[in-house]
């Protein structure tokens, strides 16, 4: 198929969009980029405006996720290639839904194969059913890749002790007593890991339920193992206790 595929790029990270645009222009000449968006609301407006055949979509963005963008359309008239920082185990799980899912930093060969697959499927059915399957497979994720310095670090979700908000950053604490400072808000990880036993107990803290050693109602604090004390705020106390006692 030699027809051009009209596409838009949706990612809150400008560097990620620039890199993808470069790779597509270099390696996927059949793709014509007709727009870019940095958030879900702008992406929805852009899709309605330009009616692209393909959307390169980051799942986790500030305020709203890529899934919420797809939920905004009753019938999907475009193909989707997810691009995000999940790990390779997640890619295997997501691919059973027949939607391509590429890990940052992008593997150029996999990118080309994903675009070729889109070419073959453009004239077939919408992707609505595959999106439902994809959402279910999200629960199978075991690891995440976090941007750290100039690279990515792979972390087992089960090894995350807690996460701490620090203005525009998140400090990830692991059971091995390592810390990673990531340029993402805590809300980003709250949405990303809500199906993986990480819960909000304070506006500045997410904790992993599996690592709770004690919970003191009197002190309104949780002690995690290995030893770390985290406050439970009044605003999150009721919701946390419901999950804790369930």
Protein backbone atom coordinates (compact mmCIF):
# COMPACT_ATOMS: atom_id res chain seq x y z
CA UNK A 1 0.00 0.00 0.00
CA UNK A 2 1.52 3.31 -1.09
CA UNK A 3 -1.20 5.61 0.20
CA UNK A 4 -0.16 8.09 2.85
CA UNK A 5 -1.37 7.45 6.40
CA UNK A 6 -2.44 10.63 8.16
CA UNK A 7 -1.38 10.59 11.81
CA UNK A 8 -1.24 12.71 14.94
CA UNK A 9 1.15 12.48 17.90
CA UNK A 10 -0.25 12.71 21.43
CA UNK A 11 2.28 12.93 24.27
CA UNK A 12 2.80 15.44 27.08
CA UNK A 13 6.58 15.25 26.67
CA UNK A 14 7.77 17.52 23.86
CA UNK A 15 11.07 15.62 23.55
CA UNK A 16 9.15 12.38 23.03
CA UNK A 17 7.07 13.96 20.25
CA UNK A 18 10.17 15.41 18.58
CA UNK A 19 11.92 12.05 18.67
CA UNK A 20 8.93 10.20 17.26
CA UNK A 21 8.43 12.80 14.55
CA UNK A 22 12.08 12.42 13.56
CA UNK A 23 11.86 8.61 13.40
CA UNK A 24 8.65 8.65 11.39
CA UNK A 25 10.03 11.16 8.88
CA UNK A 26 13.18 9.09 8.55
CA UNK A 27 11.85 5.53 8.54
CA UNK A 28 8.11 5.60 7.84
CA UNK A 29 7.65 7.72 4.74
CA UNK A 30 4.08 6.47 4.37
CA UNK A 31 3.07 8.41 7.50
CA UNK A 32 2.09 12.06 7.19
CA UNK A 33 1.93 13.87 10.53
CA UNK A 34 -1.02 16.26 10.48
CA UNK A 35 -0.95 17.46 14.06
CA UNK A 36 0.34 17.09 17.62
CA UNK A 37 -1.20 17.43 21.06
CA UNK A 38 0.21 17.51 24.59
CA UNK A 39 -2.95 16.52 26.49
CA UNK A 40 -6.20 14.62 26.10
CA UNK A 41 -8.50 17.62 25.64
CA UNK A 42 -6.37 19.10 22.86
CA UNK A 43 -6.04 15.66 21.27
CA UNK A 44 -9.81 15.15 21.21
CA UNK A 45 -10.29 18.52 19.51
CA UNK A 46 -7.48 17.77 17.05
CA UNK A 47 -8.91 14.35 16.13
CA UNK A 48 -12.34 15.85 15.46
CA UNK A 49 -10.71 18.55 13.35
CA UNK A 50 -8.32 16.57 11.16
CA UNK A 51 -9.85 13.04 11.30
CA UNK A 52 -6.52 11.15 11.33
CA UNK A 53 -6.23 7.52 10.30
CA UNK A 54 -3.67 6.80 13.02
CA UNK A 55 -3.01 8.12 16.52
CA UNK A 56 0.33 7.62 18.27
CA UNK A 57 -0.81 7.82 21.87
CA UNK A 58 0.96 8.02 25.21
CA UNK A 59 -1.21 6.31 27.84
CA UNK A 60 -0.23 8.34 30.90
CA UNK A 61 -0.49 12.11 30.65
CA UNK A 62 -1.28 14.83 33.19
CA UNK A 63 -4.91 15.00 34.33
CA UNK A 64 -6.31 12.47 31.84
CA UNK A 65 -5.00 9.21 30.38
CA UNK A 66 -4.88 7.92 26.82
CA UNK A 67 -7.67 5.51 27.71
CA UNK A 68 -9.88 8.47 28.60
CA UNK A 69 -9.20 9.95 25.19
CA UNK A 70 -10.39 6.75 23.52
CA UNK A 71 -13.45 6.63 25.81
CA UNK A 72 -14.45 10.04 24.45
CA UNK A 73 -15.23 8.49 21.06
CA UNK A 74 -18.26 6.24 20.70
CA UNK A 75 -16.85 4.67 17.55
CA UNK A 76 -13.14 4.70 16.89
CA UNK A 77 -12.45 5.57 13.27
CA UNK A 78 -8.68 5.59 13.69
CA UNK A 79 -5.98 3.05 14.45
CA UNK A 80 -3.93 3.37 17.65
CA UNK A 81 -0.28 2.77 18.44
CA UNK A 82 0.47 3.26 22.13
CA UNK A 83 3.87 4.65 23.02
CA UNK A 84 4.80 4.79 26.69
CA UNK A 85 7.29 3.78 29.36
CA UNK A 86 5.93 0.40 30.43
CA UNK A 87 8.30 -2.53 30.35
CA UNK A 88 8.72 -5.36 27.84
CA UNK A 89 6.55 -7.72 29.88
CA UNK A 90 3.69 -5.29 29.42
CA UNK A 91 4.25 -5.17 25.68
CA UNK A 92 3.71 -8.93 25.46
CA UNK A 93 0.51 -8.68 27.46
CA UNK A 94 -0.89 -5.79 25.45
CA UNK A 95 -0.09 -7.26 22.07
CA UNK A 96 -2.72 -9.99 22.45
CA UNK A 97 -5.24 -7.22 21.87
CA UNK A 98 -3.79 -6.66 18.37
CA UNK A 99 -2.94 -3.06 19.10
CA UNK A 100 0.69 -2.14 18.86
CA UNK A 101 2.38 -0.95 21.98
CA UNK A 102 5.88 0.51 21.85
CA UNK A 103 8.22 1.18 24.74
CA UNK A 104 10.19 4.37 25.19
CA UNK A 105 12.88 4.73 23.99
CA UNK A 106 11.41 3.53 20.72
CA UNK A 107 12.83 0.51 18.93
CA UNK A 108 13.01 1.59 15.28
CA UNK A 109 12.37 -1.89 13.87
CA UNK A 110 9.25 -2.34 16.02
CA UNK A 111 8.03 1.10 15.00
CA UNK A 112 8.30 0.20 11.33
CA UNK A 113 6.47 -3.09 11.90
CA UNK A 114 3.71 -1.33 13.81
CA UNK A 115 3.15 1.13 10.97
CA UNK A 116 3.13 -1.70 8.44
CA UNK A 117 0.47 -3.46 10.50
CA UNK A 118 -1.63 -0.30 10.45
CA UNK A 119 -1.40 -0.23 6.68
CA UNK A 120 -2.90 -3.71 6.51
CA UNK A 121 -5.71 -3.00 8.96
CA UNK A 122 -6.87 0.46 7.94
CA UNK A 123 -9.74 -0.85 5.87
CA UNK A 124 -10.95 -3.28 8.54
CA UNK A 125 -13.14 -2.86 11.61
CA UNK A 126 -12.74 -0.24 14.33
CA UNK A 127 -10.53 -0.98 17.31
CA UNK A 128 -13.21 -0.63 20.02
CA UNK A 129 -13.20 -4.29 21.10
CA UNK A 130 -9.42 -4.40 21.15
CA UNK A 131 -9.35 -1.38 23.47
CA UNK A 132 -11.47 -3.28 25.99
CA UNK A 133 -9.06 -6.20 25.84
CA UNK A 134 -6.16 -3.83 26.24
CA UNK A 135 -7.63 -2.35 29.42
CA UNK A 136 -7.94 -5.81 30.91
CA UNK A 137 -4.38 -6.70 29.96
CA UNK A 138 -3.15 -3.56 31.73
CA UNK A 139 -3.66 -5.43 34.99
CA UNK A 140 -1.03 -7.99 33.95
CA UNK A 141 1.79 -5.44 34.04
CA UNK A 142 4.53 -6.44 36.48
CA UNK A 143 7.14 -3.75 35.90
CA UNK A 144 7.39 -0.12 34.90
CA UNK A 145 10.17 1.79 33.20
CA UNK A 146 10.85 5.16 34.78
CA UNK A 147 12.88 7.97 33.17
CA UNK A 148 15.98 8.43 35.31
CA UNK A 149 18.81 10.80 34.40
CA UNK A 150 19.37 10.15 30.68
CA UNK A 151 18.06 6.60 30.64
CA UNK A 152 15.25 4.36 31.93
CA UNK A 153 15.28 2.18 35.04
CA UNK A 154 13.09 -0.93 35.16
CA UNK A 155 11.37 -1.42 38.53
CA UNK A 156 9.21 -4.30 39.70
CA UNK A 157 5.91 -2.82 40.88
CA UNK A 158 5.89 -5.22 43.83
CA UNK A 159 9.22 -3.70 44.97
CA UNK A 160 7.84 -0.16 45.21
CA UNK A 161 7.51 0.69 48.90
CA UNK A 162 5.91 4.09 48.51
CA UNK A 163 5.93 7.26 46.43
CA UNK A 164 6.36 10.77 47.72
CA UNK A 165 5.30 14.03 46.07
CA UNK A 166 7.89 16.78 45.87
CA UNK A 167 6.33 19.70 43.99
CA UNK A 168 6.50 18.79 40.28
CA UNK A 169 8.49 15.62 41.02
CA UNK A 170 7.86 12.20 42.52
CA UNK A 171 10.34 10.36 44.74
CA UNK A 172 10.01 6.60 44.33
CA UNK A 173 11.11 4.60 47.39
CA UNK A 174 11.84 0.90 46.90
CA UNK A 175 12.09 -2.02 49.34
CA UNK A 176 15.82 -2.05 48.63
CA UNK A 177 15.96 1.46 50.14
CA UNK A 178 16.76 3.05 46.79
CA UNK A 179 15.27 6.36 45.73
CA UNK A 180 14.50 7.66 42.25
CA UNK A 181 13.47 11.26 41.61
CA UNK A 182 11.24 11.45 38.53
CA UNK A 183 9.94 14.55 36.76
CA UNK A 184 6.32 13.39 37.01
CA UNK A 185 3.60 14.41 39.43
CA UNK A 186 2.37 11.89 41.99
CA UNK A 187 -1.03 11.90 40.28
CA UNK A 188 0.62 10.37 37.22
CA UNK A 189 1.65 7.30 39.20
CA UNK A 190 -1.61 7.16 41.13
CA UNK A 191 -3.47 6.70 37.82
CA UNK A 192 -0.82 4.41 36.39
CA UNK A 193 -0.70 1.99 39.32
CA UNK A 194 -4.22 2.07 40.73
CA UNK A 195 -4.73 -1.59 39.74
CA UNK A 196 -1.53 -2.65 41.50
CA UNK A 197 -2.21 -2.08 45.22
CA UNK A 198 -0.71 1.39 45.39
CA UNK A 199 -3.13 3.71 47.17
CA UNK A 200 -3.17 7.36 48.16
CA UNK A 201 -3.05 7.95 51.94
CA UNK A 202 -2.03 11.59 51.85
CA UNK A 203 -1.87 14.27 49.20
CA UNK A 204 1.90 13.72 49.20
CA UNK A 205 2.04 9.93 49.58
CA UNK A 206 1.16 6.72 47.75
CA UNK A 207 1.88 3.45 49.56
CA UNK A 208 1.99 -0.18 48.47
CA UNK A 209 -0.59 -2.13 50.47
CA UNK A 210 1.53 -5.29 50.43
CA UNK A 211 4.26 -3.60 52.47
CA UNK A 212 2.13 -2.37 55.37
CA UNK A 213 3.45 -3.60 58.71
CA UNK A 214 1.18 -1.63 61.06
CA UNK A 215 -1.52 1.01 60.84
CA UNK A 216 -2.10 3.25 63.86
CA UNK A 217 -5.46 5.00 63.90
CA UNK A 218 -4.37 7.01 66.94
CA UNK A 219 -1.24 8.33 65.27
CA UNK A 220 -2.96 8.24 61.88
CA UNK A 221 0.12 6.76 60.27
CA UNK A 222 1.21 3.65 58.43
CA UNK A 223 4.47 1.86 59.07
CA UNK A 224 5.89 0.08 56.04
CA UNK A 225 8.37 -2.77 55.95
CA UNK A 226 11.28 -2.09 55.63
CA UNK A 227 10.85 0.61 58.26
CA UNK A 228 9.27 3.76 56.94
CA UNK A 229 6.51 5.78 58.56
CA UNK A 230 3.98 7.51 56.31
CA UNK A 231 1.19 9.86 57.50
CA UNK A 232 -2.47 9.18 56.69
CA UNK A 233 -4.34 12.44 56.21
CA UNK A 234 -7.92 13.06 57.29
CA UNK A 235 -9.07 13.51 53.72
CA UNK A 236 -7.82 10.07 52.62
CA UNK A 237 -8.38 8.17 55.88
CA UNK A 238 -11.86 6.76 55.15
CA UNK A 239 -11.04 5.58 51.62
CA UNK A 240 -7.76 4.06 52.78
CA UNK A 241 -9.38 2.17 55.66
CA UNK A 242 -12.00 0.71 53.33
CA UNK A 243 -9.26 -0.70 51.13
CA UNK A 244 -7.08 -1.72 54.09
CA UNK A 245 -9.86 -3.72 55.76
CA UNK A 246 -11.22 -5.29 52.57
